[in-house]
Amino acid sequence: MSDWGPVVIAVVLFVLLSPGLLLQLPGKHHIVEFGNMHTSAMAILVHAIIYFALIALFVIVIGVHITTG
């Protein structure tokens, strides 16, 4: 059986946490900007830290598993 949990969670978080797609933290003019489709080096760093924290939480701490077969 294959465990697809980490793969699905990683792909969903990657899409949702892409800087500028849904939100940008920190924004250019405000702390949070929604849907501006721009990015900066600081936003990439902040989103990478949030991504790592959430992927570690879901995959390691909670242990989400989606099995096939």
Protein backbone atom coordinates (compact mmCIF):
# COMPACT_ATOMS: atom_id res chain seq x y z
CA MET A 1 0.00 0.00 0.00
CA SER A 2 1.14 3.51 -0.74
CA ASP A 3 0.93 6.40 1.70
CA TRP A 4 -0.18 9.51 -0.23
CA GLY A 5 -0.84 11.71 2.83
CA PRO A 6 2.46 13.62 2.83
CA VAL A 7 2.33 14.11 -0.95
CA VAL A 8 -1.22 15.50 -0.94
CA ILE A 9 -0.56 17.77 2.03
CA ALA A 10 2.69 19.08 0.52
CA VAL A 11 1.05 19.89 -2.83
CA VAL A 12 -1.98 21.59 -1.27
CA LEU A 13 0.16 23.67 1.09
CA PHE A 14 2.55 24.60 -1.71
CA VAL A 15 -0.29 25.91 -3.86
CA LEU A 16 -2.06 27.72 -1.02
CA LEU A 17 1.09 29.27 0.43
CA SER A 18 2.60 30.54 -2.81
CA PRO A 19 3.40 34.19 -2.04
CA GLY A 20 0.96 36.54 -3.71
CA LEU A 21 -1.57 33.91 -4.80
CA LEU A 22 -3.99 34.10 -1.88
CA LEU A 23 -2.07 36.42 0.40
CA GLN A 24 1.34 37.95 0.86
CA LEU A 25 2.96 38.24 4.25
CA PRO A 26 4.53 40.88 4.62
CA GLY A 27 3.05 42.99 1.85
CA LYS A 28 4.59 46.01 0.16
CA HIS A 29 2.15 48.55 1.63
CA HIS A 30 0.37 46.61 4.40
CA ILE A 31 1.30 43.77 6.71
CA VAL A 32 -1.00 41.38 4.82
CA GLU A 33 -2.06 41.89 1.20
CA PHE A 34 -4.60 39.63 -0.48
CA GLY A 35 -4.38 38.43 -4.08
CA ASN A 36 -1.87 40.98 -5.36
CA MET A 37 0.19 38.43 -7.38
CA HIS A 38 3.47 40.10 -6.36
CA THR A 39 6.24 38.79 -4.15
CA SER A 40 9.44 39.83 -2.41
CA ALA A 41 12.38 38.06 -0.84
CA MET A 42 10.99 38.62 2.67
CA ALA A 43 7.60 37.22 1.64
CA ILE A 44 9.27 34.11 0.20
CA LEU A 45 11.18 33.59 3.45
CA VAL A 46 8.09 34.05 5.64
CA HIS A 47 5.98 31.73 3.47
CA ALA A 48 8.77 29.10 3.49
CA ILE A 49 8.89 29.15 7.29
CA ILE A 50 5.10 28.85 7.52
CA TYR A 51 5.15 26.02 4.94
CA PHE A 52 7.81 24.11 6.90
CA ALA A 53 5.93 24.54 10.18
CA LEU A 54 2.63 23.34 8.71
CA ILE A 55 4.14 20.39 6.82
CA ALA A 56 5.95 19.29 9.98
CA LEU A 57 2.75 19.64 11.99
CA PHE A 58 0.57 17.66 9.59
CA VAL A 59 3.04 14.97 8.54
CA ILE A 60 5.14 14.38 11.65
CA VAL A 61 3.08 15.49 14.65
CA ILE A 62 -0.45 14.61 13.53
CA GLY A 63 0.61 11.87 11.12
CA VAL A 64 -1.94 12.22 8.32
CA HIS A 65 -2.08 9.07 6.18
CA ILE A 66 -3.97 8.45 2.94
CA THR A 67 -3.43 4.88 1.82
CA THR A 68 -4.25 3.28 -1.49
CA GLY A 69 -4.48 -0.30 -2.52
